[in-house]
C-alpha atoms as a PDB file:
ATOM      1  CA  MET A   1      70.639 118.139 130.160  1.00  0.00           C
ATOM      2  CA  ALA A   2      71.958 115.862 133.051  1.00  0.00           C
ATOM      3  CA  PHE A   3      76.089 115.090 133.146  1.00  0.00           C
ATOM      4  CA  LYS A   4      76.889 111.754 132.704  1.00  0.00           C
ATOM      5  CA  ALA A   5      80.432 110.906 134.382  1.00  0.00           C
ATOM      6  CA  PRO A   6      82.931 108.713 132.621  1.00  0.00           C
ATOM      7  CA  PRO A   7      83.474 105.507 132.946  1.00  0.00           C
ATOM      8  CA  PRO A   8      85.391 104.065 135.846  1.00  0.00           C
ATOM      9  CA  THR A   9      88.757 102.165 134.932  1.00  0.00           C
ATOM     10  CA  PRO A  10      88.407  98.883 135.690  1.00  0.00           C
ATOM     11  CA  LYS A  11      91.541  97.740 138.211  1.00  0.00           C
ATOM     12  CA  GLY A  12      94.245  96.033 136.654  1.00  0.00           C
ATOM     13  CA  LEU A  13      97.562  97.909 135.258  1.00  0.00           C
ATOM     14  CA  TRP A  14      98.054 100.063 132.225  1.00  0.00           C
ATOM     15  CA  ARG A  15      94.618  99.633 131.285  1.00  0.00           C
ATOM     16  CA  ARG A  16      94.271 103.042 130.180  1.00  0.00           C
ATOM     17  CA  THR A  17      97.333 104.005 128.921  1.00  0.00           C
ATOM     18  CA  PRO A  18      97.043 107.167 126.907  1.00  0.00           C
ATOM     19  CA  PRO A  19      98.493 107.323 123.667  1.00  0.00           C
ATOM     20  CA  ALA A  20      98.971 111.036 124.035  1.00  0.00           C
ATOM     21  CA  ILE A  21     102.706 110.121 126.076  1.00  0.00           C
ATOM     22  CA  PHE A  22     104.726 108.952 122.492  1.00  0.00           C
ATOM     23  CA  PRO A  23     105.051 112.242 120.751  1.00  0.00           C
ATOM     24  CA  ALA A  24     106.606 112.995 123.346  1.00  0.00           C
ATOM     25  CA  VAL A  25     108.987 110.127 123.706  1.00  0.00           C
ATOM     26  CA  MET A  26     109.710 110.202 119.894  1.00  0.00           C
ATOM     27  CA  GLY A  27     111.036 113.697 120.612  1.00  0.00           C
ATOM     28  CA  LEU A  28     113.411 112.276 123.115  1.00  0.00           C
ATOM     29  CA  LEU A  29     114.349 109.776 120.953  1.00  0.00           C
ATOM     30  CA  GLY A  30     115.248 112.424 118.219  1.00  0.00           C
ATOM     31  CA  LEU A  31     116.931 114.522 120.132  1.00  0.00           C
ATOM     32  CA  GLY A  32     118.404 111.788 121.275  1.00  0.00           C
ATOM     33  CA  LEU A  33     119.606 111.023 118.109  1.00  0.00           C
ATOM     34  CA  GLY A  34     120.815 114.819 116.621  1.00  0.00           C
ATOM     35  CA  TRP A  35     123.401 114.677 120.116  1.00  0.00           C
ATOM     36  CA  ARG A  36     125.081 111.276 118.289  1.00  0.00           C
ATOM     37  CA  ARG A  37     125.162 113.412 115.180  1.00  0.00           C
ATOM     38  CA  GLY A  38     125.817 116.570 116.671  1.00  0.00           C
ATOM     39  CA  VAL A  39     128.749 115.933 119.952  1.00  0.00           C
ATOM     40  CA  GLY A  40     131.524 116.549 117.625  1.00  0.00           C
ATOM     41  CA  GLU A  41     130.291 119.503 116.509  1.00  0.00           C
ATOM     42  CA  PHE A  42     130.566 120.964 120.946  1.00  0.00           C
ATOM     43  CA  ALA A  43     133.482 118.008 121.279  1.00  0.00           C
ATOM     44  CA  LEU A  44     131.545 116.381 123.960  1.00  0.00           C
ATOM     45  CA  PRO A  45     133.641 112.714 123.782  1.00  0.00           C
ATOM     46  CA  PRO A  46     131.036 110.184 121.864  1.00  0.00           C
ATOM     47  CA  GLY A  47     129.533 108.730 124.898  1.00  0.00           C
ATOM     48  CA  PHE A  48     127.955 111.268 126.099  1.00  0.00           C
ATOM     49  CA  ALA A  49     125.293 110.790 123.240  1.00  0.00           C
ATOM     50  CA  ASP A  50     125.418 106.755 124.126  1.00  0.00           C
ATOM     51  CA  LEU A  51     124.701 107.762 127.819  1.00  0.00           C
ATOM     52  CA  VAL A  52     121.523 110.282 126.720  1.00  0.00           C
ATOM     53  CA  LEU A  53     120.138 107.182 123.789  1.00  0.00           C
ATOM     54  CA  GLY A  54     120.765 104.851 127.241  1.00  0.00           C
ATOM     55  CA  ALA A  55     118.735 106.796 129.240  1.00  0.00           C
ATOM     56  CA  VAL A  56     115.351 108.045 126.085  1.00  0.00           C
ATOM     57  CA  SER A  57     115.286 104.443 124.712  1.00  0.00           C
ATOM     58  CA  ALA A  58     114.779 103.088 128.344  1.00  0.00           C
ATOM     59  CA  LEU A  59     112.018 104.622 128.432  1.00  0.00           C
ATOM     60  CA  ALA A  60     111.063 104.488 125.324  1.00  0.00           C
ATOM     61  CA  LEU A  61     111.170 100.792 126.115  1.00  0.00           C
ATOM     62  CA  PHE A  62     108.825 101.357 129.182  1.00  0.00           C
ATOM     63  CA  ALA A  63     106.235 103.395 127.973  1.00  0.00           C
ATOM     64  CA  LEU A  64     105.817 101.190 124.950  1.00  0.00           C
ATOM     65  CA  LEU A  65     104.923  97.774 127.045  1.00  0.00           C
ATOM     66  CA  THR A  66     102.101  99.939 129.278  1.00  0.00           C
ATOM     67  CA  TYR A  67     100.545 100.410 125.586  1.00  0.00           C
ATOM     68  CA  VAL A  68     101.141  96.874 124.684  1.00  0.00           C
ATOM     69  CA  VAL A  69      99.607  95.289 127.967  1.00  0.00           C
ATOM     70  CA  LYS A  70      96.599  97.756 127.231  1.00  0.00           C
ATOM     71  CA  PHE A  71      96.453  96.164 123.384  1.00  0.00           C
ATOM     72  CA  MET A  72      96.648  92.526 125.123  1.00  0.00           C
ATOM     73  CA  ARG A  73      93.822  93.088 127.600  1.00  0.00           C
ATOM     74  CA  ARG A  74      91.974  94.163 124.602  1.00  0.00           C
ATOM     75  CA  PRO A  75      92.933  94.367 121.101  1.00  0.00           C
ATOM     76  CA  ALA A  76      89.932  96.977 120.136  1.00  0.00           C
ATOM     77  CA  VAL A  77      90.837  99.229 122.447  1.00  0.00           C
ATOM     78  CA  VAL A  78      93.433 100.531 119.480  1.00  0.00           C
ATOM     79  CA  LEU A  79      90.199 101.294 117.586  1.00  0.00           C
ATOM     80  CA  GLU A  80      89.012 103.266 120.342  1.00  0.00           C
ATOM     81  CA  ASP A  81      91.773 105.669 120.736  1.00  0.00           C
ATOM     82  CA  LEU A  82      92.034 105.884 116.831  1.00  0.00           C
ATOM     83  CA  LYS A  83      88.732 107.584 116.424  1.00  0.00           C
ATOM     84  CA  ILE A  84      89.948 110.270 118.489  1.00  0.00           C
ATOM     85  CA  LEU A  85      92.710 112.953 117.356  1.00  0.00           C
ATOM     86  CA  PRO A  86      95.188 112.151 120.389  1.00  0.00           C
ATOM     87  CA  GLY A  87      94.683 108.714 119.950  1.00  0.00           C
ATOM     88  CA  ARG A  88      95.375 109.110 116.389  1.00  0.00           C
ATOM     89  CA  ALA A  89      98.296 110.821 117.139  1.00  0.00           C
ATOM     90  CA  GLY A  90     100.407 109.104 120.058  1.00  0.00           C
ATOM     91  CA  VAL A  91      98.758 105.821 118.598  1.00  0.00           C
ATOM     92  CA  SER A  92     101.427 106.615 115.540  1.00  0.00           C
ATOM     93  CA  ALA A  93     104.194 108.133 117.207  1.00  0.00           C
ATOM     94  CA  ALA A  94     104.239 105.077 119.019  1.00  0.00           C
ATOM     95  CA  VAL A  95     104.322 102.940 115.539  1.00  0.00           C
ATOM     96  CA  LEU A  96     107.242 105.368 114.766  1.00  0.00           C
ATOM     97  CA  CYS A  97     109.212 104.896 118.210  1.00  0.00           C
ATOM     98  CA  LEU A  98     109.887 101.788 116.390  1.00  0.00           C
ATOM     99  CA  TYR A  99     111.898 102.979 114.030  1.00  0.00           C
ATOM    100  CA  LEU A 100     113.930 105.256 116.441  1.00  0.00           C
ATOM    101  CA  LEU A 101     115.026 102.101 118.216  1.00  0.00           C
ATOM    102  CA  ALA A 102     116.362 100.649 115.050  1.00  0.00           C
ATOM    103  CA  ALA A 103     117.851 104.071 113.966  1.00  0.00           C
ATOM    104  CA  VAL A 104     119.736 104.187 117.537  1.00  0.00           C
ATOM    105  CA  PHE A 105     120.798  99.814 117.615  1.00  0.00           C
ATOM    106  CA  GLY A 106     122.270 100.384 114.147  1.00  0.00           C
ATOM    107  CA  PRO A 107     125.336 102.027 114.474  1.00  0.00           C
ATOM    108  CA  ILE A 108     125.715  99.772 117.934  1.00  0.00           C
ATOM    109  CA  SER A 109     124.246  96.320 116.765  1.00  0.00           C
ATOM    110  CA  PRO A 110     122.968  95.773 113.588  1.00  0.00           C
ATOM    111  CA  GLU A 111     121.822  92.522 114.117  1.00  0.00           C
ATOM    112  CA  GLN A 112     119.440  94.641 116.240  1.00  0.00           C
ATOM    113  CA  ALA A 113     118.155  96.715 114.537  1.00  0.00           C
ATOM    114  CA  ARG A 114     117.255  94.724 111.503  1.00  0.00           C
ATOM    115  CA  PRO A 115     114.462  92.803 113.476  1.00  0.00           C
ATOM    116  CA  LEU A 116     113.297  96.277 114.871  1.00  0.00           C
ATOM    117  CA  LEU A 117     112.887  97.704 111.513  1.00  0.00           C
ATOM    118  CA  LEU A 118     111.344  95.253 110.174  1.00  0.00           C
ATOM    119  CA  LEU A 119     109.022  94.782 113.658  1.00  0.00           C
ATOM    120  CA  GLY A 120     108.296  98.481 112.866  1.00  0.00           C
ATOM    121  CA  MET A 121     107.413  98.298 109.451  1.00  0.00           C
ATOM    122  CA  ALA A 122     104.675  94.938 109.965  1.00  0.00           C
ATOM    123  CA  VAL A 123     103.321  96.672 112.801  1.00  0.00           C
ATOM    124  CA  HIS A 124     103.054 100.020 110.798  1.00  0.00           C
ATOM    125  CA  ALA A 125     101.760  97.847 107.715  1.00  0.00           C
ATOM    126  CA  ALA A 126      98.762  96.173 110.503  1.00  0.00           C
ATOM    127  CA  PHE A 127      98.336 100.432 112.106  1.00  0.00           C
ATOM    128  CA  THR A 128      97.418 101.720 109.117  1.00  0.00           C
ATOM    129  CA  VAL A 129      95.167  98.803 107.970  1.00  0.00           C
ATOM    130  CA  ALA A 130      93.464  99.849 111.049  1.00  0.00           C
ATOM    131  CA  LEU A 131      93.451 103.717 110.383  1.00  0.00           C
ATOM    132  CA  ILE A 132      91.837 103.182 106.923  1.00  0.00           C
ATOM    133  CA  TYR A 133      89.214 101.197 108.855  1.00  0.00           C
ATOM    134  CA  VAL A 134      88.000 103.671 112.009  1.00  0.00           C
ATOM    135  CA  PHE A 135      87.840 107.008 109.410  1.00  0.00           C
ATOM    136  CA  ALA A 136      85.934 104.099 106.913  1.00  0.00           C
ATOM    137  CA  LYS A 137      83.792 103.415 109.393  1.00  0.00           C
ATOM    138  CA  GLY A 138      83.635 106.504 111.100  1.00  0.00           C
ATOM    139  CA  PRO A 139      81.764 110.112 110.252  1.00  0.00           C
ATOM    140  CA  PRO A 140      83.168 112.028 107.455  1.00  0.00           C
ATOM    141  CA  GLU A 141      84.605 114.199 110.244  1.00  0.00           C
ATOM    142  CA  GLN A 142      87.106 111.480 110.996  1.00  0.00           C
ATOM    143  CA  ARG A 143      88.267 111.431 107.517  1.00  0.00           C
ATOM    144  CA  ARG A 144      89.568 115.483 107.471  1.00  0.00           C
ATOM    145  CA  VAL A 145      93.344 115.781 106.425  1.00  0.00           C
ATOM    146  CA  THR A 146      95.765 116.819 109.562  1.00  0.00           C
ATOM    147  CA  PRO A 147      99.302 117.214 110.129  1.00  0.00           C
ATOM    148  CA  VAL A 148      98.880 113.943 112.221  1.00  0.00           C
ATOM    149  CA  TRP A 149      98.483 112.380 108.855  1.00  0.00           C
ATOM    150  CA  HIS A 150     102.627 112.986 108.537  1.00  0.00           C
ATOM    151  CA  LEU A 151     103.123 110.450 111.529  1.00  0.00           C
ATOM    152  CA  SER A 152     100.614 108.002 109.764  1.00  0.00           C
ATOM    153  CA  PHE A 153     101.649 108.636 106.020  1.00  0.00           C
ATOM    154  CA  THR A 154     104.769 109.737 105.882  1.00  0.00           C
ATOM    155  CA  GLY A 155     106.243 107.708 108.707  1.00  0.00           C
ATOM    156  CA  TRP A 156     107.686 105.260 106.368  1.00  0.00           C
ATOM    157  CA  VAL A 157     110.207 108.091 105.186  1.00  0.00           C
ATOM    158  CA  LEU A 158     111.872 106.885 109.158  1.00  0.00           C
ATOM    159  CA  ALA A 159     111.860 103.566 108.180  1.00  0.00           C
ATOM    160  CA  ALA A 160     113.800 104.132 104.667  1.00  0.00           C
ATOM    161  CA  MET A 161     116.346 106.471 106.860  1.00  0.00           C
ATOM    162  CA  VAL A 162     117.208 103.286 108.771  1.00  0.00           C
ATOM    163  CA  ALA A 163     117.373 101.159 106.072  1.00  0.00           C
ATOM    164  CA  LEU A 164     119.857 103.256 104.200  1.00  0.00           C
ATOM    165  CA  SER A 165     121.841 103.125 107.493  1.00  0.00           C
ATOM    166  CA  LEU A 166     121.963  99.241 107.452  1.00  0.00           C
ATOM    167  CA  GLY A 167     122.857  99.035 104.187  1.00  0.00           C
ATOM    168  CA  LEU A 168     119.756  98.646 102.123  1.00  0.00           C
ATOM    169  CA  PRO A 169     119.883 100.728  99.757  1.00  0.00           C
ATOM    170  CA  GLY A 170     116.440  99.446  97.260  1.00  0.00           C
ATOM    171  CA  LEU A 171     114.342  99.091 100.317  1.00  0.00           C
ATOM    172  CA  ALA A 172     115.438 102.736 101.309  1.00  0.00           C
ATOM    173  CA  ARG A 173     114.486 104.555  98.029  1.00  0.00           C
ATOM    174  CA  ALA A 174     111.263 102.765  97.378  1.00  0.00           C
ATOM    175  CA  LEU A 175     110.242 104.099 100.883  1.00  0.00           C
ATOM    176  CA  PHE A 176     111.626 107.359 100.394  1.00  0.00           C
ATOM    177  CA  TRP A 177     109.728 107.811  97.210  1.00  0.00           C
ATOM    178  CA  LEU A 178     106.413 106.604  98.183  1.00  0.00           C
ATOM    179  CA  SER A 179     106.614 108.929 101.615  1.00  0.00           C
ATOM    180  CA  LEU A 180     107.665 112.257  99.705  1.00  0.00           C
ATOM    181  CA  ILE A 181     104.537 111.566  97.442  1.00  0.00           C
ATOM    182  CA  ALA A 182     102.897 111.509 101.063  1.00  0.00           C
ATOM    183  CA  ALA A 183     104.342 114.549 102.431  1.00  0.00           C
ATOM    184  CA  LEU A 184     103.378 115.947  99.602  1.00  0.00           C
ATOM    185  CA  ALA A 185     100.066 115.209  99.294  1.00  0.00           C
ATOM    186  CA  ILE A 186      99.190 116.288 102.568  1.00  0.00           C
ATOM    187  CA  TRP A 187     101.293 119.474 102.125  1.00  0.00           C
ATOM    188  CA  SER A 188      99.086 120.593  99.663  1.00  0.00           C
ATOM    189  CA  LEU A 189      96.049 119.295 101.354  1.00  0.00           C
ATOM    190  CA  SER A 190      96.613 121.431 104.289  1.00  0.00           C
ATOM    191  CA  ILE A 191      97.353 124.170 102.260  1.00  0.00           C
ATOM    192  CA  GLN A 192      94.272 124.222 100.992  1.00  0.00           C
ATOM    193  CA  GLN A 193      92.260 123.856 103.919  1.00  0.00           C
ATOM    194  CA  PHE A 194      94.405 126.265 106.069  1.00  0.00           C
ATOM    195  CA  SER A 195      93.310 129.200 103.038  1.00  0.00           C
ATOM    196  CA  ARG A 196      89.286 128.152 103.915  1.00  0.00           C
ATOM    197  CA  GLU A 197      89.585 128.364 107.060  1.00  0.00           C
ATOM    198  CA  THR A 198      91.170 129.186 110.858  1.00  0.00           C
ATOM    199  CA  VAL A 199      93.126 126.435 112.514  1.00  0.00           C
ATOM    200  CA  PRO A 200      91.290 126.515 116.687  1.00  0.00           C
ATOM    201  CA  ALA A 201      93.666 127.171 118.866  1.00  0.00           C
ATOM    202  CA  PRO A 202      93.782 124.134 120.603  1.00  0.00           C
ATOM    203  CA  LEU A 203      95.155 122.286 117.382  1.00  0.00           C
ATOM    204  CA  ARG A 204      98.145 124.783 116.175  1.00  0.00           C
ATOM    205  CA  PRO A 205     100.753 122.996 117.959  1.00  0.00           C
ATOM    206  CA  LEU A 206      99.994 120.084 115.753  1.00  0.00           C
ATOM    207  CA  LEU A 207     100.934 122.135 112.894  1.00  0.00           C
ATOM    208  CA  ALA A 208     104.537 121.506 113.883  1.00  0.00           C
ATOM    209  CA  ILE A 209     103.920 117.765 112.960  1.00  0.00           C
ATOM    210  CA  HIS A 210     104.843 119.658 109.009  1.00  0.00           C
ATOM    211  CA  LEU A 211     108.143 120.378 110.126  1.00  0.00           C
ATOM    212  CA  ALA A 212     109.000 116.598 110.336  1.00  0.00           C
ATOM    213  CA  PRO A 213     109.227 115.300 106.984  1.00  0.00           C
ATOM    214  CA  ALA A 214     110.925 117.382 105.436  1.00  0.00           C
ATOM    215  CA  ALA A 215     113.805 117.187 108.310  1.00  0.00           C
ATOM    216  CA  ILE A 216     113.842 113.772 107.861  1.00  0.00           C
ATOM    217  CA  LEU A 217     113.589 114.050 103.757  1.00  0.00           C
ATOM    218  CA  GLY A 218     117.063 115.738 103.717  1.00  0.00           C
ATOM    219  CA  ILE A 219     118.390 113.239 105.598  1.00  0.00           C
ATOM    220  CA  VAL A 220     117.471 110.505 103.553  1.00  0.00           C
ATOM    221  CA  ALA A 221     118.094 112.428 100.576  1.00  0.00           C
ATOM    222  CA  HIS A 222     121.664 112.750 101.984  1.00  0.00           C
ATOM    223  CA  GLY A 223     122.318 109.710 102.598  1.00  0.00           C
ATOM    224  CA  PHE A 224     121.570 108.897  98.403  1.00  0.00           C
ATOM    225  CA  HIS A 225     123.942 111.659  97.815  1.00  0.00           C
ATOM    226  CA  ALA A 226     121.427 113.310  96.600  1.00  0.00           C
ATOM    227  CA  ASN A 227     122.895 116.746  97.901  1.00  0.00           C
ATOM    228  CA  GLY A 228     120.985 119.022  95.532  1.00  0.00           C
ATOM    229  CA  MET A 229     117.374 117.996  97.313  1.00  0.00           C
ATOM    230  CA  ALA A 230     118.274 118.129 100.957  1.00  0.00           C
ATOM    231  CA  MET A 231     119.901 121.429 100.527  1.00  0.00           C
ATOM    232  CA  VAL A 232     115.782 122.355  99.239  1.00  0.00           C
ATOM    233  CA  PHE A 233     114.090 120.598 102.532  1.00  0.00           C
ATOM    234  CA  GLY A 234     117.363 122.152 104.366  1.00  0.00           C
ATOM    235  CA  LEU A 235     115.620 125.617 103.360  1.00  0.00           C
ATOM    236  CA  LEU A 236     112.073 124.167 102.885  1.00  0.00           C
ATOM    237  CA  ALA A 237     112.460 123.813 107.504  1.00  0.00           C
ATOM    238  CA  ALA A 238     114.120 126.459 107.939  1.00  0.00           C
ATOM    239  CA  VAL A 239     110.913 128.490 106.504  1.00  0.00           C
ATOM    240  CA  GLY A 240     108.899 126.689 108.150  1.00  0.00           C
ATOM    241  CA  LEU A 241     110.710 127.401 110.906  1.00  0.00           C
ATOM    242  CA  ALA A 242     110.735 130.772 110.882  1.00  0.00           C
ATOM    243  CA  VAL A 243     107.046 131.081 110.592  1.00  0.00           C
ATOM    244  CA  MET A 244     106.285 129.245 113.525  1.00  0.00           C
ATOM    245  CA  VAL A 245     108.596 131.037 115.853  1.00  0.00           C
ATOM    246  CA  LEU A 246     106.882 134.164 113.872  1.00  0.00           C
ATOM    247  CA  ARG A 247     103.968 133.290 114.836  1.00  0.00           C
ATOM    248  CA  GLY A 248     104.878 131.767 118.025  1.00  0.00           C
ATOM    249  CA  ARG A 249     101.984 133.509 119.265  1.00  0.00           C
ATOM    250  CA  TRP A 250      99.581 132.510 117.628  1.00  0.00           C
ATOM    251  CA  MET A 251     100.233 128.954 117.856  1.00  0.00           C
ATOM    252  CA  LEU A 252     100.706 128.590 121.869  1.00  0.00           C
ATOM    253  CA  ALA A 253      97.090 130.534 122.265  1.00  0.00           C
ATOM    254  CA  GLY A 254      96.035 127.981 123.562  1.00  0.00           C
ATOM    255  CA  GLY A 255      98.074 127.695 126.483  1.00  0.00           C
ATOM    256  CA  PHE A 256      99.695 124.607 127.418  1.00  0.00           C
ATOM    257  CA  SER A 257      98.148 121.291 126.182  1.00  0.00           C
ATOM    258  CA  PRO A 258      99.578 117.682 126.275  1.00  0.00           C
ATOM    259  CA  LEU A 259      99.078 118.060 122.328  1.00  0.00           C
ATOM    260  CA  TRP A 260     102.503 119.602 123.115  1.00  0.00           C
ATOM    261  CA  GLY A 261     104.446 116.753 122.356  1.00  0.00           C
ATOM    262  CA  ALA A 262     104.111 117.402 118.462  1.00  0.00           C
ATOM    263  CA  PHE A 263     106.459 120.375 118.883  1.00  0.00           C
ATOM    264  CA  THR A 264     109.028 118.006 120.114  1.00  0.00           C
ATOM    265  CA  PHE A 265     110.252 115.109 117.494  1.00  0.00           C
ATOM    266  CA  PRO A 266     109.907 118.094 114.128  1.00  0.00           C
ATOM    267  CA  LEU A 267     112.658 120.492 116.573  1.00  0.00           C
ATOM    268  CA  ALA A 268     114.688 117.950 117.071  1.00  0.00           C
ATOM    269  CA  ALA A 269     114.957 116.110 113.546  1.00  0.00           C
ATOM    270  CA  THR A 270     115.493 119.534 111.568  1.00  0.00           C
ATOM    271  CA  ALA A 271     118.611 120.534 114.330  1.00  0.00           C
ATOM    272  CA  ASN A 272     119.682 116.359 112.467  1.00  0.00           C
ATOM    273  CA  LEU A 273     119.190 117.413 109.661  1.00  0.00           C
ATOM    274  CA  TRP A 274     121.282 120.847 109.733  1.00  0.00           C
ATOM    275  CA  LEU A 275     123.480 119.152 111.366  1.00  0.00           C
ATOM    276  CA  THR A 276     123.833 116.475 108.602  1.00  0.00           C
ATOM    277  CA  LEU A 277     124.203 119.436 106.001  1.00  0.00           C
ATOM    278  CA  GLY A 278     126.593 120.951 107.410  1.00  0.00           C
ATOM    279  CA  GLY A 279     128.758 123.674 106.515  1.00  0.00           C
ATOM    280  CA  PHE A 280     126.321 126.471 105.986  1.00  0.00           C
ATOM    281  CA  TRP A 281     123.993 124.781 108.088  1.00  0.00           C
ATOM    282  CA  ARG A 282     126.341 123.863 110.926  1.00  0.00           C
ATOM    283  CA  VAL A 283     126.359 126.513 113.214  1.00  0.00           C
ATOM    284  CA  PRO A 284     122.065 126.932 113.457  1.00  0.00           C
ATOM    285  CA  GLY A 285     122.374 122.869 113.413  1.00  0.00           C
ATOM    286  CA  ALA A 286     124.095 123.296 116.566  1.00  0.00           C
ATOM    287  CA  VAL A 287     121.907 126.378 118.021  1.00  0.00           C
ATOM    288  CA  LEU A 288     118.437 124.730 117.083  1.00  0.00           C
ATOM    289  CA  LEU A 289     120.377 121.539 119.576  1.00  0.00           C
ATOM    290  CA  ILE A 290     121.102 123.398 122.163  1.00  0.00           C
ATOM    291  CA  VAL A 291     117.191 125.210 122.088  1.00  0.00           C
ATOM    292  CA  ALA A 292     115.657 121.755 121.267  1.00  0.00           C
ATOM    293  CA  SER A 293     117.778 120.290 124.325  1.00  0.00           C
ATOM    294  CA  ILE A 294     115.997 122.750 126.854  1.00  0.00           C
ATOM    295  CA  ALA A 295     112.213 122.521 124.991  1.00  0.00           C
ATOM    296  CA  VAL A 296     112.033 118.812 124.800  1.00  0.00           C
ATOM    297  CA  PRO A 297     112.487 117.310 128.101  1.00  0.00           C
ATOM    298  CA  MET A 298     110.552 120.821 129.350  1.00  0.00           C
ATOM    299  CA  ILE A 299     107.789 119.553 127.702  1.00  0.00           C
ATOM    300  CA  ALA A 300     108.240 115.844 127.503  1.00  0.00           C
ATOM    301  CA  ALA A 301     108.218 116.405 131.580  1.00  0.00           C
ATOM    302  CA  LYS A 302     104.682 118.076 132.201  1.00  0.00           C
ATOM    303  CA  ILE A 303     103.260 115.418 129.460  1.00  0.00           C
ATOM    304  CA  PHE A 304     104.994 112.843 132.027  1.00  0.00           C
ATOM    305  CA  LYS A 305     103.776 114.989 134.533  1.00  0.00           C
ATOM    306  CA  LEU A 306     100.456 114.156 134.223  1.00  0.00           C
ATOM    307  CA  TRP A 307     100.926 111.036 132.916  1.00  0.00           C
ATOM    308  CA  ALA A 308     102.038 109.877 136.506  1.00  0.00           C
ATOM    309  CA  SER A 309      99.346 111.575 138.680  1.00  0.00           C
ATOM    310  CA  GLY A 310      96.535 110.326 135.423  1.00  0.00           C
ATOM    311  CA  GLN A 311      95.581 113.541 134.319  1.00  0.00           C
ATOM    312  CA  LEU A 312      96.626 112.911 130.635  1.00  0.00           C
ATOM    313  CA  ALA A 313      94.302 109.783 130.530  1.00  0.00           C
ATOM    314  CA  MET A 314      91.584 112.142 131.259  1.00  0.00           C
ATOM    315  CA  LYS A 315      92.580 115.193 129.227  1.00  0.00           C
ATOM    316  CA  THR A 316      92.623 112.739 126.016  1.00  0.00           C
ATOM    317  CA  ASN A 317      90.166 110.817 126.495  1.00  0.00           C
ATOM    318  CA  ALA A 318      92.114 107.868 126.515  1.00  0.00           C
ATOM    319  CA  ALA A 319      90.763 104.231 126.188  1.00  0.00           C
ATOM    320  CA  ILE A 320      90.132 101.826 128.295  1.00  0.00           C
ATOM    321  CA  ALA A 321      91.272  98.143 127.906  1.00  0.00           C
END
């Protein structure tokens, strides 16, 4: 069987931006928001969190720009990226980065955050339609439930978090319940699949994504003063994180890959939830925030290094515009 070389990338800026950069970008934004929540725990000046958020926001905007340029060259390239798992995870994370940017600007300038929230919701709706179209037209294997589905279908909870902070409780409540239903369905289907078959080593880092919905749902529930529900999500995140730690060697058996970006946001979001809950959770939240502050930039730096060298696009089979 003859080997067929991949087609060369045409000349032009950012024609093959790999969506796989965005889970790490999302993780950095989550880490910055975690420091906004936890800066008081370490007796640091409030400006420290703003400095971190300013830096990661600039990086996020640059990354989004590179993918927008790719999209503008050939809009159908998004459908091609959605056909492969790293592409689906990456494009989903890129959409959710809009909500996280709105969360960054919310306390500083609600006038800028509201348009970002609306833009994120419009893009998210269009993305969901495109994803369903790809699932409908593609082979059955593409429709297999994976943790990445949380980014696509449960990710509306990030919009709920932002809406609540911007004084839109009705919208936040509707999005919260929609996201909770989606999260429960995906968790249930994933448990059923996991009971029947094992997860291949290269895909195991994606299992960390299951933590993220519990963390953000807990933050939103706390914002509604549903403290009992928020506590349940805090415990659920704790159990999930404990399982990840105990099965760490199993999860990392495939070695480093761009899919390690899936670890970043769940760690930061769980730390944020525990700091939000306070009380007993304050110390574990502070410890996890420190751990995330070491792990997330390290993973992100390795992924960005692959991006800069051009290897990330090839390793993740990113589509070419």
